Amino acid sequence: MKSINSAENNEEEKEGYVLFLEYATGSRSEGIRPYLIQRDLSVIYVCFNDDDEYLNQTFRPFHRKYCKVKGRFFNESQEMRVSFIEESPDPYKL
């Protein structure tokens, strides 16, 4: 399984599917960005600290995979600055 790590203190851990979805359709910032879809169907925008926000190279290998992520979560913007990501066993896989 794949993993990437650059951990800091005071980080939260979350799990879900990493999916690239449309972002800011119709604006200058329009594009495809990575999101974490959690078990409760809540959606969190995820970004890796050193990644280009338009290319998101770190998340591409994890697209459509169930993953565990750690990072700083910002509740107001539903955004997570990820420092660690790894593919996890998919609890829904038959």
PDB file of N, CA and C in Angstrom:
ATOM      1  N   MET A   1       0.836  -1.185   0.000  1.00  0.00           N
ATOM      2  CA  MET A   1       0.000   0.000   0.000  1.00  0.00           C
ATOM      3  C   MET A   1       0.879   1.245   0.000  1.00  0.00           C
ATOM      4  N   LYS A   2       0.393   2.297  -0.622  1.00  0.00           N
ATOM      5  CA  LYS A   2       1.140   3.540  -0.729  1.00  0.00           C
ATOM      6  C   LYS A   2       0.946   4.394   0.518  1.00  0.00           C
ATOM      7  N   SER A   3       1.965   5.212   0.853  1.00  0.00           N
ATOM      8  CA  SER A   3       1.818   6.194   1.923  1.00  0.00           C
ATOM      9  C   SER A   3       2.805   7.330   1.724  1.00  0.00           C
ATOM     10  N   ILE A   4       2.433   8.508   2.233  1.00  0.00           N
ATOM     11  CA  ILE A   4       3.281   9.700   2.197  1.00  0.00           C
ATOM     12  C   ILE A   4       3.142  10.384   3.551  1.00  0.00           C
ATOM     13  N   ASN A   5       4.273  10.855   4.136  1.00  0.00           N
ATOM     14  CA  ASN A   5       4.243  11.385   5.489  1.00  0.00           C
ATOM     15  C   ASN A   5       5.116  12.635   5.623  1.00  0.00           C
ATOM     16  N   SER A   6       4.570  13.686   6.266  1.00  0.00           N
ATOM     17  CA  SER A   6       5.330  14.867   6.711  1.00  0.00           C
ATOM     18  C   SER A   6       4.608  15.438   7.935  1.00  0.00           C
ATOM     19  N   ALA A   7       4.423  14.596   8.968  1.00  0.00           N
ATOM     20  CA  ALA A   7       3.561  14.874  10.123  1.00  0.00           C
ATOM     21  C   ALA A   7       4.012  16.038  10.998  1.00  0.00           C
ATOM     22  N   GLU A   8       3.032  16.679  11.648  1.00  0.00           N
ATOM     23  CA  GLU A   8       3.229  17.753  12.619  1.00  0.00           C
ATOM     24  C   GLU A   8       2.439  17.396  13.872  1.00  0.00           C
ATOM     25  N   ASN A   9       2.576  18.225  14.919  1.00  0.00           N
ATOM     26  CA  ASN A   9       1.792  18.026  16.145  1.00  0.00           C
ATOM     27  C   ASN A   9       0.368  18.537  15.955  1.00  0.00           C
ATOM     28  N   ASN A  10      -0.539  18.130  16.850  1.00  0.00           N
ATOM     29  CA  ASN A  10      -1.929  18.599  16.869  1.00  0.00           C
ATOM     30  C   ASN A  10      -2.675  18.317  15.568  1.00  0.00           C
ATOM     31  N   GLU A  11      -2.531  17.120  15.070  1.00  0.00           N
ATOM     32  CA  GLU A  11      -3.197  16.769  13.828  1.00  0.00           C
ATOM     33  C   GLU A  11      -4.343  15.795  14.094  1.00  0.00           C
ATOM     34  N   GLU A  12      -5.333  15.846  13.225  1.00  0.00           N
ATOM     35  CA  GLU A  12      -6.465  14.931  13.303  1.00  0.00           C
ATOM     36  C   GLU A  12      -6.298  13.839  12.267  1.00  0.00           C
ATOM     37  N   GLU A  13      -6.971  12.728  12.512  1.00  0.00           N
ATOM     38  CA  GLU A  13      -6.948  11.620  11.564  1.00  0.00           C
ATOM     39  C   GLU A  13      -8.359  11.396  11.035  1.00  0.00           C
ATOM     40  N   LYS A  14      -8.475  11.213   9.724  1.00  0.00           N
ATOM     41  CA  LYS A  14      -9.772  10.968   9.098  1.00  0.00           C
ATOM     42  C   LYS A  14      -9.606   9.882   8.049  1.00  0.00           C
ATOM     43  N   GLU A  15     -10.724   9.233   7.698  1.00  0.00           N
ATOM     44  CA  GLU A  15     -10.713   8.186   6.682  1.00  0.00           C
ATOM     45  C   GLU A  15     -11.825   8.414   5.682  1.00  0.00           C
ATOM     46  N   GLY A  16     -11.600   7.949   4.469  1.00  0.00           N
ATOM     47  CA  GLY A  16     -12.626   8.040   3.447  1.00  0.00           C
ATOM     48  C   GLY A  16     -12.029   7.829   2.070  1.00  0.00           C
ATOM     49  N   TYR A  17     -12.853   8.055   1.049  1.00  0.00           N
ATOM     50  CA  TYR A  17     -12.412   7.912  -0.331  1.00  0.00           C
ATOM     51  C   TYR A  17     -11.845   9.232  -0.828  1.00  0.00           C
ATOM     52  N   VAL A  18     -10.699   9.177  -1.481  1.00  0.00           N
ATOM     53  CA  VAL A  18     -10.135  10.353  -2.137  1.00  0.00           C
ATOM     54  C   VAL A  18     -10.696  10.386  -3.558  1.00  0.00           C
ATOM     55  N   LEU A  19     -11.365  11.482  -3.885  1.00  0.00           N
ATOM     56  CA  LEU A  19     -11.932  11.663  -5.225  1.00  0.00           C
ATOM     57  C   LEU A  19     -11.591  13.052  -5.738  1.00  0.00           C
ATOM     58  N   PHE A  20     -11.279  13.150  -7.013  1.00  0.00           N
ATOM     59  CA  PHE A  20     -11.074  14.449  -7.653  1.00  0.00           C
ATOM     60  C   PHE A  20     -12.425  14.904  -8.202  1.00  0.00           C
ATOM     61  N   LEU A  21     -12.879  16.067  -7.743  1.00  0.00           N
ATOM     62  CA  LEU A  21     -14.183  16.616  -8.130  1.00  0.00           C
ATOM     63  C   LEU A  21     -14.017  18.047  -8.630  1.00  0.00           C
ATOM     64  N   GLU A  22     -15.046  18.540  -9.293  1.00  0.00           N
ATOM     65  CA  GLU A  22     -15.023  19.925  -9.774  1.00  0.00           C
ATOM     66  C   GLU A  22     -14.946  20.887  -8.598  1.00  0.00           C
ATOM     67  N   TYR A  23     -14.216  21.987  -8.811  1.00  0.00           N
ATOM     68  CA  TYR A  23     -14.037  23.008  -7.792  1.00  0.00           C
ATOM     69  C   TYR A  23     -14.296  24.376  -8.414  1.00  0.00           C
ATOM     70  N   ALA A  24     -15.097  25.180  -7.749  1.00  0.00           N
ATOM     71  CA  ALA A  24     -15.348  26.582  -8.129  1.00  0.00           C
ATOM     72  C   ALA A  24     -15.725  26.737  -9.603  1.00  0.00           C
ATOM     73  N   THR A  25     -16.670  25.932 -10.054  1.00  0.00           N
ATOM     74  CA  THR A  25     -17.110  25.973 -11.447  1.00  0.00           C
ATOM     75  C   THR A  25     -17.578  27.372 -11.829  1.00  0.00           C
ATOM     76  N   GLY A  26     -17.084  27.869 -12.964  1.00  0.00           N
ATOM     77  CA  GLY A  26     -17.475  29.185 -13.453  1.00  0.00           C
ATOM     78  C   GLY A  26     -16.620  30.326 -12.950  1.00  0.00           C
ATOM     79  N   SER A  27     -15.645  30.039 -12.100  1.00  0.00           N
ATOM     80  CA  SER A  27     -14.772  31.102 -11.595  1.00  0.00           C
ATOM     81  C   SER A  27     -13.364  30.948 -12.173  1.00  0.00           C
ATOM     82  N   ARG A  28     -12.500  31.889 -11.863  1.00  0.00           N
ATOM     83  CA  ARG A  28     -11.118  31.795 -12.305  1.00  0.00           C
ATOM     84  C   ARG A  28     -10.386  30.621 -11.667  1.00  0.00           C
ATOM     85  N   SER A  29     -10.834  30.223 -10.496  1.00  0.00           N
ATOM     86  CA  SER A  29     -10.204  29.115  -9.762  1.00  0.00           C
ATOM     87  C   SER A  29     -10.744  27.754 -10.176  1.00  0.00           C
ATOM     88  N   GLU A  30     -11.604  27.742 -11.161  1.00  0.00           N
ATOM     89  CA  GLU A  30     -12.237  26.496 -11.602  1.00  0.00           C
ATOM     90  C   GLU A  30     -11.195  25.424 -11.895  1.00  0.00           C
ATOM     91  N   GLY A  31     -11.500  24.202 -11.504  1.00  0.00           N
ATOM     92  CA  GLY A  31     -10.586  23.099 -11.775  1.00  0.00           C
ATOM     93  C   GLY A  31     -11.070  21.823 -11.110  1.00  0.00           C
ATOM     94  N   ILE A  32     -10.199  20.855 -11.101  1.00  0.00           N
ATOM     95  CA  ILE A  32     -10.478  19.580 -10.452  1.00  0.00           C
ATOM     96  C   ILE A  32      -9.564  19.514  -9.238  1.00  0.00           C
ATOM     97  N   ARG A  33     -10.148  19.269  -8.059  1.00  0.00           N
ATOM     98  CA  ARG A  33      -9.386  19.238  -6.807  1.00  0.00           C
ATOM     99  C   ARG A  33      -9.703  17.968  -6.026  1.00  0.00           C
ATOM    100  N   PRO A  34      -8.784  17.548  -5.148  1.00  0.00           N
ATOM    101  CA  PRO A  34      -9.016  16.333  -4.356  1.00  0.00           C
ATOM    102  C   PRO A  34      -9.884  16.603  -3.128  1.00  0.00           C
ATOM    103  N   TYR A  35     -10.768  15.664  -2.872  1.00  0.00           N
ATOM    104  CA  TYR A  35     -11.652  15.711  -1.703  1.00  0.00           C
ATOM    105  C   TYR A  35     -11.615  14.370  -1.001  1.00  0.00           C
ATOM    106  N   LEU A  36     -11.928  14.386   0.286  1.00  0.00           N
ATOM    107  CA  LEU A  36     -12.085  13.168   1.061  1.00  0.00           C
ATOM    108  C   LEU A  36     -13.568  13.006   1.361  1.00  0.00           C
ATOM    109  N   ILE A  37     -14.154  11.917   0.889  1.00  0.00           N
ATOM    110  CA  ILE A  37     -15.561  11.619   1.153  1.00  0.00           C
ATOM    111  C   ILE A  37     -15.583  10.639   2.315  1.00  0.00           C
ATOM    112  N   GLN A  38     -16.096  11.083   3.470  1.00  0.00           N
ATOM    113  CA  GLN A  38     -16.083  10.265   4.677  1.00  0.00           C
ATOM    114  C   GLN A  38     -17.292   9.336   4.749  1.00  0.00           C
ATOM    115  N   ARG A  39     -17.273   8.425   5.718  1.00  0.00           N
ATOM    116  CA  ARG A  39     -18.364   7.451   5.891  1.00  0.00           C
ATOM    117  C   ARG A  39     -19.723   8.115   6.062  1.00  0.00           C
ATOM    118  N   ASP A  40     -19.749   9.273   6.744  1.00  0.00           N
ATOM    119  CA  ASP A  40     -21.018   9.974   6.961  1.00  0.00           C
ATOM    120  C   ASP A  40     -21.407  10.829   5.753  1.00  0.00           C
ATOM    121  N   LEU A  41     -20.672  10.672   4.652  1.00  0.00           N
ATOM    122  CA  LEU A  41     -20.865  11.379   3.381  1.00  0.00           C
ATOM    123  C   LEU A  41     -20.486  12.856   3.437  1.00  0.00           C
ATOM    124  N   SER A  42     -19.837  13.291   4.522  1.00  0.00           N
ATOM    125  CA  SER A  42     -19.332  14.658   4.544  1.00  0.00           C
ATOM    126  C   SER A  42     -18.124  14.741   3.613  1.00  0.00           C
ATOM    127  N   VAL A  43     -17.953  15.913   3.011  1.00  0.00           N
ATOM    128  CA  VAL A  43     -16.928  16.120   1.996  1.00  0.00           C
ATOM    129  C   VAL A  43     -15.935  17.158   2.509  1.00  0.00           C
ATOM    130  N   ILE A  44     -14.652  16.817   2.466  1.00  0.00           N
ATOM    131  CA  ILE A  44     -13.590  17.707   2.930  1.00  0.00           C
ATOM    132  C   ILE A  44     -12.620  17.943   1.792  1.00  0.00           C
ATOM    133  N   TYR A  45     -12.309  19.204   1.523  1.00  0.00           N
ATOM    134  CA  TYR A  45     -11.268  19.533   0.554  1.00  0.00           C
ATOM    135  C   TYR A  45      -9.935  19.216   1.213  1.00  0.00           C
ATOM    136  N   VAL A  46      -9.080  18.463   0.541  1.00  0.00           N
ATOM    137  CA  VAL A  46      -7.782  18.097   1.093  1.00  0.00           C
ATOM    138  C   VAL A  46      -6.665  18.650   0.215  1.00  0.00           C
ATOM    139  N   CYS A  47      -5.604  19.111   0.860  1.00  0.00           N
ATOM    140  CA  CYS A  47      -4.442  19.586   0.128  1.00  0.00           C
ATOM    141  C   CYS A  47      -3.195  19.196   0.907  1.00  0.00           C
ATOM    142  N   PHE A  48      -2.137  18.876   0.190  1.00  0.00           N
ATOM    143  CA  PHE A  48      -0.870  18.497   0.808  1.00  0.00           C
ATOM    144  C   PHE A  48      -0.004  19.743   0.892  1.00  0.00           C
ATOM    145  N   ASN A  49       0.649  19.939   2.023  1.00  0.00           N
ATOM    146  CA  ASN A  49       1.386  21.171   2.296  1.00  0.00           C
ATOM    147  C   ASN A  49       2.275  21.653   1.153  1.00  0.00           C
ATOM    148  N   ASP A  50       3.046  20.773   0.547  1.00  0.00           N
ATOM    149  CA  ASP A  50       4.022  21.194  -0.463  1.00  0.00           C
ATOM    150  C   ASP A  50       3.535  21.020  -1.893  1.00  0.00           C
ATOM    151  N   ASP A  51       2.277  20.688  -2.076  1.00  0.00           N
ATOM    152  CA  ASP A  51       1.732  20.418  -3.404  1.00  0.00           C
ATOM    153  C   ASP A  51       1.244  21.682  -4.097  1.00  0.00           C
ATOM    154  N   ASP A  52       1.357  21.718  -5.408  1.00  0.00           N
ATOM    155  CA  ASP A  52       0.754  22.774  -6.211  1.00  0.00           C
ATOM    156  C   ASP A  52      -0.763  22.549  -6.180  1.00  0.00           C
ATOM    157  N   GLU A  53      -1.538  23.547  -5.778  1.00  0.00           N
ATOM    158  CA  GLU A  53      -2.989  23.359  -5.605  1.00  0.00           C
ATOM    159  C   GLU A  53      -3.732  23.106  -6.908  1.00  0.00           C
ATOM    160  N   TYR A  54      -3.092  23.344  -8.042  1.00  0.00           N
ATOM    161  CA  TYR A  54      -3.746  23.068  -9.324  1.00  0.00           C
ATOM    162  C   TYR A  54      -3.368  21.701  -9.879  1.00  0.00           C
ATOM    163  N   LEU A  55      -2.206  21.187  -9.504  1.00  0.00           N
ATOM    164  CA  LEU A  55      -1.762  19.888 -10.011  1.00  0.00           C
ATOM    165  C   LEU A  55      -2.064  18.741  -9.047  1.00  0.00           C
ATOM    166  N   ASN A  56      -1.904  18.991  -7.750  1.00  0.00           N
ATOM    167  CA  ASN A  56      -2.209  17.990  -6.716  1.00  0.00           C
ATOM    168  C   ASN A  56      -1.586  16.627  -7.003  1.00  0.00           C
ATOM    169  N   GLN A  57      -0.307  16.626  -7.335  1.00  0.00           N
ATOM    170  CA  GLN A  57       0.395  15.394  -7.694  1.00  0.00           C
ATOM    171  C   GLN A  57       0.400  14.365  -6.564  1.00  0.00           C
ATOM    172  N   THR A  58       0.450  14.807  -5.319  1.00  0.00           N
ATOM    173  CA  THR A  58       0.509  13.879  -4.188  1.00  0.00           C
ATOM    174  C   THR A  58      -0.730  13.000  -4.122  1.00  0.00           C
ATOM    175  N   PHE A  59      -1.893  13.563  -4.428  1.00  0.00           N
ATOM    176  CA  PHE A  59      -3.151  12.814  -4.275  1.00  0.00           C
ATOM    177  C   PHE A  59      -3.512  11.945  -5.477  1.00  0.00           C
ATOM    178  N   ARG A  60      -2.924  12.192  -6.612  1.00  0.00           N
ATOM    179  CA  ARG A  60      -3.313  11.464  -7.832  1.00  0.00           C
ATOM    180  C   ARG A  60      -3.230   9.939  -7.698  1.00  0.00           C
ATOM    181  N   PRO A  61      -2.180   9.368  -7.076  1.00  0.00           N
ATOM    182  CA  PRO A  61      -2.144   7.904  -6.941  1.00  0.00           C
ATOM    183  C   PRO A  61      -3.239   7.345  -6.026  1.00  0.00           C
ATOM    184  N   PHE A  62      -3.868   8.216  -5.237  1.00  0.00           N
ATOM    185  CA  PHE A  62      -4.885   7.776  -4.280  1.00  0.00           C
ATOM    186  C   PHE A  62      -6.315   7.995  -4.776  1.00  0.00           C
ATOM    187  N   HIS A  63      -6.473   8.526  -5.984  1.00  0.00           N
ATOM    188  CA  HIS A  63      -7.806   8.780  -6.546  1.00  0.00           C
ATOM    189  C   HIS A  63      -8.620   7.487  -6.574  1.00  0.00           C
ATOM    190  N   ARG A  64      -9.858   7.566  -6.044  1.00  0.00           N
ATOM    191  CA  ARG A  64     -10.806   6.441  -5.993  1.00  0.00           C
ATOM    192  C   ARG A  64     -10.360   5.323  -5.049  1.00  0.00           C
ATOM    193  N   LYS A  65      -9.495   5.672  -4.080  1.00  0.00           N
ATOM    194  CA  LYS A  65      -9.029   4.694  -3.102  1.00  0.00           C
ATOM    195  C   LYS A  65      -9.498   5.118  -1.718  1.00  0.00           C
ATOM    196  N   TYR A  66      -9.723   4.118  -0.862  1.00  0.00           N
ATOM    197  CA  TYR A  66     -10.070   4.387   0.528  1.00  0.00           C
ATOM    198  C   TYR A  66      -8.766   4.661   1.271  1.00  0.00           C
ATOM    199  N   CYS A  67      -8.683   5.801   1.968  1.00  0.00           N
ATOM    200  CA  CYS A  67      -7.420   6.230   2.577  1.00  0.00           C
ATOM    201  C   CYS A  67      -7.611   6.736   3.998  1.00  0.00           C
ATOM    202  N   LYS A  68      -6.503   6.722   4.723  1.00  0.00           N
ATOM    203  CA  LYS A  68      -6.409   7.355   6.032  1.00  0.00           C
ATOM    204  C   LYS A  68      -5.522   8.572   5.839  1.00  0.00           C
ATOM    205  N   VAL A  69      -5.971   9.734   6.330  1.00  0.00           N
ATOM    206  CA  VAL A  69      -5.179  10.954   6.240  1.00  0.00           C
ATOM    207  C   VAL A  69      -5.019  11.569   7.622  1.00  0.00           C
ATOM    208  N   LYS A  70      -3.913  12.261   7.828  1.00  0.00           N
ATOM    209  CA  LYS A  70      -3.687  13.028   9.052  1.00  0.00           C
ATOM    210  C   LYS A  70      -3.309  14.434   8.625  1.00  0.00           C
ATOM    211  N   GLY A  71      -3.745  15.405   9.417  1.00  0.00           N
ATOM    212  CA  GLY A  71      -3.397  16.778   9.109  1.00  0.00           C
ATOM    213  C   GLY A  71      -4.174  17.756   9.957  1.00  0.00           C
ATOM    214  N   ARG A  72      -4.011  19.033   9.658  1.00  0.00           N
ATOM    215  CA  ARG A  72      -4.733  20.096  10.365  1.00  0.00           C
ATOM    216  C   ARG A  72      -6.059  20.322   9.663  1.00  0.00           C
ATOM    217  N   PHE A  73      -7.143  20.152  10.417  1.00  0.00           N
ATOM    218  CA  PHE A  73      -8.490  20.309   9.882  1.00  0.00           C
ATOM    219  C   PHE A  73      -9.037  21.667  10.278  1.00  0.00           C
ATOM    220  N   PHE A  74      -9.581  22.389   9.291  1.00  0.00           N
ATOM    221  CA  PHE A  74     -10.186  23.697   9.518  1.00  0.00           C
ATOM    222  C   PHE A  74     -11.690  23.544   9.335  1.00  0.00           C
ATOM    223  N   ASN A  75     -12.418  23.566  10.435  1.00  0.00           N
ATOM    224  CA  ASN A  75     -13.848  23.278  10.445  1.00  0.00           C
ATOM    225  C   ASN A  75     -14.665  24.280   9.624  1.00  0.00           C
ATOM    226  N   GLU A  76     -14.350  25.569   9.726  1.00  0.00           N
ATOM    227  CA  GLU A  76     -15.142  26.595   9.023  1.00  0.00           C
ATOM    228  C   GLU A  76     -15.109  26.413   7.512  1.00  0.00           C
ATOM    229  N   SER A  77     -13.948  26.074   6.963  1.00  0.00           N
ATOM    230  CA  SER A  77     -13.823  25.928   5.515  1.00  0.00           C
ATOM    231  C   SER A  77     -13.926  24.475   5.055  1.00  0.00           C
ATOM    232  N   GLN A  78     -14.052  23.539   6.012  1.00  0.00           N
ATOM    233  CA  GLN A  78     -14.093  22.109   5.686  1.00  0.00           C
ATOM    234  C   GLN A  78     -12.900  21.730   4.807  1.00  0.00           C
ATOM    235  N   GLU A  79     -11.727  22.167   5.247  1.00  0.00           N
ATOM    236  CA  GLU A  79     -10.480  21.946   4.519  1.00  0.00           C
ATOM    237  C   GLU A  79      -9.484  21.260   5.449  1.00  0.00           C
ATOM    238  N   MET A  80      -8.677  20.389   4.889  1.00  0.00           N
ATOM    239  CA  MET A  80      -7.656  19.715   5.674  1.00  0.00           C
ATOM    240  C   MET A  80      -6.306  19.836   4.975  1.00  0.00           C
ATOM    241  N   ARG A  81      -5.312  20.366   5.701  1.00  0.00           N
ATOM    242  CA  ARG A  81      -3.931  20.428   5.230  1.00  0.00           C
ATOM    243  C   ARG A  81      -3.281  19.113   5.635  1.00  0.00           C
ATOM    244  N   VAL A  82      -3.100  18.241   4.695  1.00  0.00           N
ATOM    245  CA  VAL A  82      -2.670  16.868   4.946  1.00  0.00           C
ATOM    246  C   VAL A  82      -1.152  16.769   5.029  1.00  0.00           C
ATOM    247  N   SER A  83      -0.670  16.046   6.041  1.00  0.00           N
ATOM    248  CA  SER A  83       0.762  15.783   6.176  1.00  0.00           C
ATOM    249  C   SER A  83       1.069  14.298   5.995  1.00  0.00           C
ATOM    250  N   PHE A  84       0.023  13.455   6.045  1.00  0.00           N
ATOM    251  CA  PHE A  84       0.208  12.006   5.919  1.00  0.00           C
ATOM    252  C   PHE A  84      -0.994  11.422   5.192  1.00  0.00           C
ATOM    253  N   ILE A  85      -0.722  10.545   4.253  1.00  0.00           N
ATOM    254  CA  ILE A  85      -1.800   9.839   3.570  1.00  0.00           C
ATOM    255  C   ILE A  85      -1.322   8.427   3.276  1.00  0.00           C
ATOM    256  N   GLU A  86      -2.220   7.465   3.494  1.00  0.00           N
ATOM    257  CA  GLU A  86      -1.923   6.088   3.119  1.00  0.00           C
ATOM    258  C   GLU A  86      -3.208   5.395   2.702  1.00  0.00           C
ATOM    259  N   GLU A  87      -3.079   4.487   1.768  1.00  0.00           N
ATOM    260  CA  GLU A  87      -4.214   3.676   1.350  1.00  0.00           C
ATOM    261  C   GLU A  87      -4.546   2.715   2.477  1.00  0.00           C
ATOM    262  N   SER A  88      -5.833   2.558   2.765  1.00  0.00           N
ATOM    263  CA  SER A  88      -6.304   1.670   3.825  1.00  0.00           C
ATOM    264  C   SER A  88      -7.207   0.607   3.224  1.00  0.00           C
ATOM    265  N   PRO A  89      -7.417  -0.497   3.959  1.00  0.00           N
ATOM    266  CA  PRO A  89      -8.376  -1.491   3.466  1.00  0.00           C
ATOM    267  C   PRO A  89      -9.755  -0.872   3.300  1.00  0.00           C
ATOM    268  N   ASP A  90     -10.376  -1.117   2.166  1.00  0.00           N
ATOM    269  CA  ASP A  90     -11.694  -0.554   1.862  1.00  0.00           C
ATOM    270  C   ASP A  90     -12.762  -1.345   2.610  1.00  0.00           C
ATOM    271  N   PRO A  91     -13.459  -0.701   3.565  1.00  0.00           N
ATOM    272  CA  PRO A  91     -14.473  -1.422   4.340  1.00  0.00           C
ATOM    273  C   PRO A  91     -15.719  -1.795   3.526  1.00  0.00           C
ATOM    274  N   TYR A  92     -15.846  -1.229   2.335  1.00  0.00           N
ATOM    275  CA  TYR A  92     -17.034  -1.492   1.512  1.00  0.00           C
ATOM    276  C   TYR A  92     -16.760  -2.442   0.365  1.00  0.00           C
ATOM    277  N   LYS A  93     -15.527  -2.854   0.222  1.00  0.00           N
ATOM    278  CA  LYS A  93     -15.163  -3.745  -0.878  1.00  0.00           C
ATOM    279  C   LYS A  93     -15.723  -5.137  -0.614  1.00  0.00           C
ATOM    280  N   LEU A  94     -16.383  -5.692  -1.602  1.00  0.00           N
ATOM    281  CA  LEU A  94     -16.987  -7.017  -1.450  1.00  0.00           C
ATOM    282  C   LEU A  94     -16.005  -8.101  -1.803  1.00  0.00           C
TER     283      LEU A  94
END
